[in-house]
Amino acid sequence: MNLADIQLMYEYNDWANGLILAKSAQVTPEQFAAPTPHSFPSLRATLVHTLDAEWSWRVRLQADEDVEELKPEDFPTVEAVQRRWDEEAAAWHTYLNNLTDADMSRTIRYTVPNGFRDRVLWHCLYHIVNHGMQHRSEAAQMLTQYDQSPGGLDFTLFLNKR
């Protein structure tokens, strides 16, 4: 995997996140916080978890630091989530723009609760986008139930619109 491929994946990630956030801005505050049967207890919690994963992984990859988990209650509105996600997307692009093709195959070591884990950097970078897709799919289902479908989130649709 080369850096240009990873950067393209992160452009896609931003695009797909943008579709979800735009439609999330159309739901009522009650719908935003309403209980759901998905992996996380509400649309808000799903979005905050996805944002938290992007943020915590970036910090882990840049500095091998753990960060305190973002809490849904700290994001009372979609606008608050959007502002924080915009900051995170910019930080990701700064980080990615400072990598090289050679970095993609570098093994990184990071701390986990029971010790350390070794991974190839591009595997971690791919995981983050893939993880986001799982939760964007759940958010899309919630949004569709609220009559706010984000439409297709397929990578090929992103390429067509690029």
Protein backbone atom coordinates (compact mmCIF):
# COMPACT_ATOMS: atom_id res chain seq x y z
CA MET A 1 0.00 0.00 0.00
CA ASN A 2 1.42 3.38 -0.88
CA LEU A 3 0.79 6.79 0.63
CA ALA A 4 -1.31 8.03 -2.30
CA ASP A 5 -3.68 5.08 -1.83
CA ILE A 6 -4.02 5.82 1.88
CA GLN A 7 -4.62 9.51 1.21
CA LEU A 8 -7.36 8.56 -1.27
CA MET A 9 -8.97 6.36 1.37
CA TYR A 10 -8.95 9.26 3.82
CA GLU A 11 -10.52 11.56 1.22
CA TYR A 12 -13.24 8.93 0.88
CA ASN A 13 -13.54 8.76 4.67
CA ASP A 14 -14.07 12.54 4.83
CA TRP A 15 -16.65 12.39 2.03
CA ALA A 16 -18.62 9.57 3.67
CA ASN A 17 -18.45 11.26 7.08
CA GLY A 18 -19.70 14.45 5.44
CA LEU A 19 -22.75 12.68 4.01
CA ILE A 20 -23.63 11.23 7.40
CA LEU A 21 -23.09 14.50 9.24
CA ALA A 22 -25.10 16.52 6.70
CA LYS A 23 -28.09 14.24 7.12
CA SER A 24 -27.60 14.08 10.88
CA ALA A 25 -27.97 17.86 10.94
CA GLN A 26 -31.51 17.34 9.58
CA VAL A 27 -32.80 15.22 12.46
CA THR A 28 -34.46 16.65 15.54
CA PRO A 29 -32.52 16.96 18.79
CA GLU A 30 -34.74 14.20 20.17
CA GLN A 31 -33.86 11.87 17.29
CA PHE A 32 -30.16 12.71 17.65
CA ALA A 33 -30.17 11.41 21.23
CA ALA A 34 -32.94 8.77 20.96
CA PRO A 35 -32.15 5.20 22.05
CA THR A 36 -31.43 2.72 19.25
CA PRO A 37 -30.71 -1.02 19.17
CA HIS A 38 -27.38 -0.56 17.35
CA SER A 39 -23.80 -0.95 18.62
CA PHE A 40 -24.06 2.39 20.41
CA PRO A 41 -27.15 3.68 22.16
CA SER A 42 -28.01 6.61 19.86
CA LEU A 43 -27.08 8.38 16.64
CA ARG A 44 -25.10 10.86 18.74
CA ALA A 45 -23.23 8.08 20.56
CA THR A 46 -22.48 6.34 17.24
CA LEU A 47 -21.05 9.52 15.71
CA VAL A 48 -19.02 10.36 18.81
CA HIS A 49 -17.63 6.82 18.97
CA THR A 50 -16.56 6.98 15.32
CA LEU A 51 -14.94 10.38 15.87
CA ASP A 52 -13.27 9.12 19.03
CA ALA A 53 -11.79 6.15 17.16
CA GLU A 54 -10.31 8.42 14.49
CA TRP A 55 -8.90 10.79 17.11
CA SER A 56 -7.50 8.16 19.47
CA TRP A 57 -5.88 6.19 16.65
CA ARG A 58 -4.20 9.33 15.24
CA VAL A 59 -2.79 10.20 18.66
CA ARG A 60 -1.68 6.61 19.14
CA LEU A 61 0.10 6.55 15.77
CA GLN A 62 1.70 9.95 16.20
CA ALA A 63 2.79 9.73 19.82
CA ASP A 64 1.86 6.28 21.24
CA GLU A 65 -0.29 8.05 23.80
CA ASP A 66 -3.64 7.02 25.17
CA VAL A 67 -6.36 9.63 25.34
CA GLU A 68 -9.48 9.80 27.41
CA GLU A 69 -12.51 8.58 25.47
CA LEU A 70 -14.79 11.26 24.03
CA LYS A 71 -18.19 11.28 25.72
CA PRO A 72 -21.47 11.76 23.85
CA GLU A 73 -22.75 14.15 26.51
CA ASP A 74 -19.92 16.54 25.64
CA PHE A 75 -21.45 16.87 22.16
CA PRO A 76 -25.01 18.08 22.68
CA THR A 77 -25.59 18.93 19.00
CA VAL A 78 -24.63 17.71 15.56
CA GLU A 79 -22.88 21.05 15.07
CA ALA A 80 -20.63 20.31 18.04
CA VAL A 81 -19.72 16.93 16.55
CA GLN A 82 -19.14 18.54 13.14
CA ARG A 83 -16.79 21.20 14.54
CA ARG A 84 -14.68 18.60 16.37
CA TRP A 85 -14.66 16.30 13.33
CA ASP A 86 -13.50 19.13 11.08
CA GLU A 87 -10.55 19.68 13.44
CA GLU A 88 -9.79 15.97 13.44
CA ALA A 89 -9.94 15.67 9.65
CA ALA A 90 -7.47 18.55 9.33
CA ALA A 91 -5.15 16.91 11.86
CA TRP A 92 -5.34 13.62 9.95
CA HIS A 93 -4.41 15.27 6.68
CA THR A 94 -1.47 17.03 8.32
CA TYR A 95 -0.30 13.71 9.72
CA LEU A 96 -0.74 11.86 6.42
CA ASN A 97 0.99 14.61 4.46
CA ASN A 98 4.09 14.11 6.60
CA LEU A 99 4.35 10.38 5.85
CA THR A 100 6.21 8.70 3.00
CA ASP A 101 5.68 5.54 1.00
CA ALA A 102 8.41 3.91 3.07
CA ASP A 103 6.46 4.68 6.26
CA MET A 104 3.53 2.58 5.05
CA SER A 105 5.43 -0.67 5.62
CA ARG A 106 6.96 0.47 8.92
CA THR A 107 6.05 -1.61 11.94
CA ILE A 108 4.65 0.41 14.78
CA ARG A 109 4.34 -0.66 18.37
CA TYR A 110 1.65 0.70 20.60
CA THR A 111 0.41 0.10 24.08
CA VAL A 112 -2.70 -1.97 24.79
CA PRO A 113 -4.13 -2.85 28.23
CA ASN A 114 -2.19 -6.12 28.47
CA GLY A 115 1.10 -4.98 26.94
CA PHE A 116 2.11 -4.04 23.42
CA ARG A 117 0.94 -4.74 19.90
CA ASP A 118 3.00 -4.58 16.71
CA ARG A 119 1.30 -3.63 13.42
CA VAL A 120 2.28 -2.46 9.96
CA LEU A 121 1.30 1.21 9.70
CA TRP A 122 -0.88 0.89 6.61
CA HIS A 123 -2.88 -1.88 8.31
CA CYS A 124 -3.73 0.53 11.13
CA LEU A 125 -4.60 3.29 8.67
CA TYR A 126 -6.84 0.95 6.70
CA HIS A 127 -8.50 -0.29 9.88
CA ILE A 128 -9.55 3.23 10.87
CA VAL A 129 -11.42 3.83 7.60
CA ASN A 130 -12.95 0.36 7.68
CA HIS A 131 -14.04 0.78 11.30
CA GLY A 132 -15.69 4.06 10.37
CA MET A 133 -17.61 2.37 7.58
CA GLN A 134 -19.19 -0.07 10.01
CA HIS A 135 -20.51 2.72 12.19
CA ARG A 136 -21.46 4.97 9.27
CA SER A 137 -23.60 2.08 8.05
CA GLU A 138 -25.33 1.94 11.40
CA ALA A 139 -25.78 5.72 11.39
CA ALA A 140 -27.16 5.53 7.84
CA GLN A 141 -29.76 3.00 8.99
CA MET A 142 -30.79 5.26 11.86
CA LEU A 143 -30.96 8.26 9.55
CA THR A 144 -33.05 6.32 7.04
CA GLN A 145 -35.49 5.47 9.82
CA TYR A 146 -35.72 9.23 10.49
CA ASP A 147 -36.42 9.88 6.75
CA GLN A 148 -32.92 11.34 6.29
CA SER A 149 -31.14 8.67 4.24
CA PRO A 150 -27.61 9.74 3.30
CA GLY A 151 -27.85 7.73 0.08
CA GLY A 152 -25.06 5.50 -1.14
CA LEU A 153 -21.78 5.45 0.76
CA ASP A 154 -19.94 3.25 -1.73
CA PHE A 155 -16.32 3.99 -2.55
CA THR A 156 -17.16 3.88 -6.26
CA LEU A 157 -19.78 6.62 -5.78
CA PHE A 158 -17.10 8.74 -4.13
CA LEU A 159 -14.83 8.14 -7.12
CA ASN A 160 -17.61 9.12 -9.52
CA LYS A 161 -18.17 12.41 -7.67
CA ARG A 162 -14.49 13.17 -7.14
